[in-house]
């Protein structure tokens, strides 16, 4: 824009700059929390086993190699020192001399003998004699310490290899969470699935609302954690995760979303952290998978598309539509207002307001595809029961073939 003085002023954008929200937990389960100014670092050394297991693979392998190499060099030096003090090195060519270790004529041979002793290889060329009591004592010490080092390092490597962290890579969470009606009540829902045929035993699900709050006394609590009930009181949080399941949280008077409407949801700033735990069937070790949903990833008036169909002799899961949702008639008021309308006997407004665009999940089939799927699902309820395919949760309905 040109001014009277001939200068140009930059045009200010009408849209406020969108700042990137910092997640507490990433989609892949990584927690974005760094521990700084930890002065009591000795605590890590007091639990050295866990510290080594938690190291990255390159550091873990480096420690593994250095521990063995250091012990071999150390005991090799002790064997060389004994031979040097006894004069074995000076009488290496004297056949009448009885050395502590036969055929030990320098540090390299002492180092090789140390490796043979600790790893119990026993090539038979270098061997300890019975005329060396200090060598016998050193042999006992190295054998005992070598067993301890083997147990510690091999155990560390075994735990490192068998960690079930990678098992969580095959546990899926939907990209979005949705809010819609279920049995006449507003529910917050998300979907979980397991890609492997080996199941997660004793699987359970938890959810936490991460949101800063201020108490009545004026205390500010950053990242306050509030429990979201996903079936703890009814046992629905215990999952039989054979096929993808939709986890539902009923928005009632005990829910942190009790007074949140659709318009208010767009102004809120929060994060929902979901945690799936269970034992790996193959190893029996505990596995934990985590994910999170920001306020912008909670879709109001959406429902997940079916992923389960009945085929000839088995159930088929289509993971192409695992994250897809479609629009469904949902009131825009809060669950509290819905309860008040129900108490008054007034009708619940289900139709979405005109001109108010719905936020869709990326990859969601828009109105034509989604509405036709929804209409087919509703129309299936009016068919003859004998013409319907078995319906269970996500199981899609269709004409029996």
Foldseek 3Di string as FASTA:
>chain_A
DADPVGDDDDDDDPDDDDDDDDDCAAAFGRGPDDDPPDPPVVVCVVVVLVNLLPDDPVVNVVVLVVVVLVLLLVQLVVQQVQQVVVVCLVCLVPPVDDTQKHPDNDSVSSSVVSVCLLVVVCPPRIDGDPVDPVSVVSSVVSNVVSVVSCCSSVVSVVCSVPPCAVQLVQKDKAQFWEWFDDPRFIKIKIKIAGRDQFDFAQKFKWKWKFQWDADPVGDTDHRDIDTFDQQPVPPPRGDPHNGMAMGIGTQDPPGPQQQPFQVNLVVDWIKMKMKMWGAGRVPRDIYITIRMHTSVRYWYQKDQAFQWEDDVPDIGGHCLRNNAIAGFFHARGGRNVSVVCVVVVHDGRRHDDPPDDTDGDVVYDYDPVRVVQVVVQVVLVVDDVVQWDDDDRRYRIDGDD
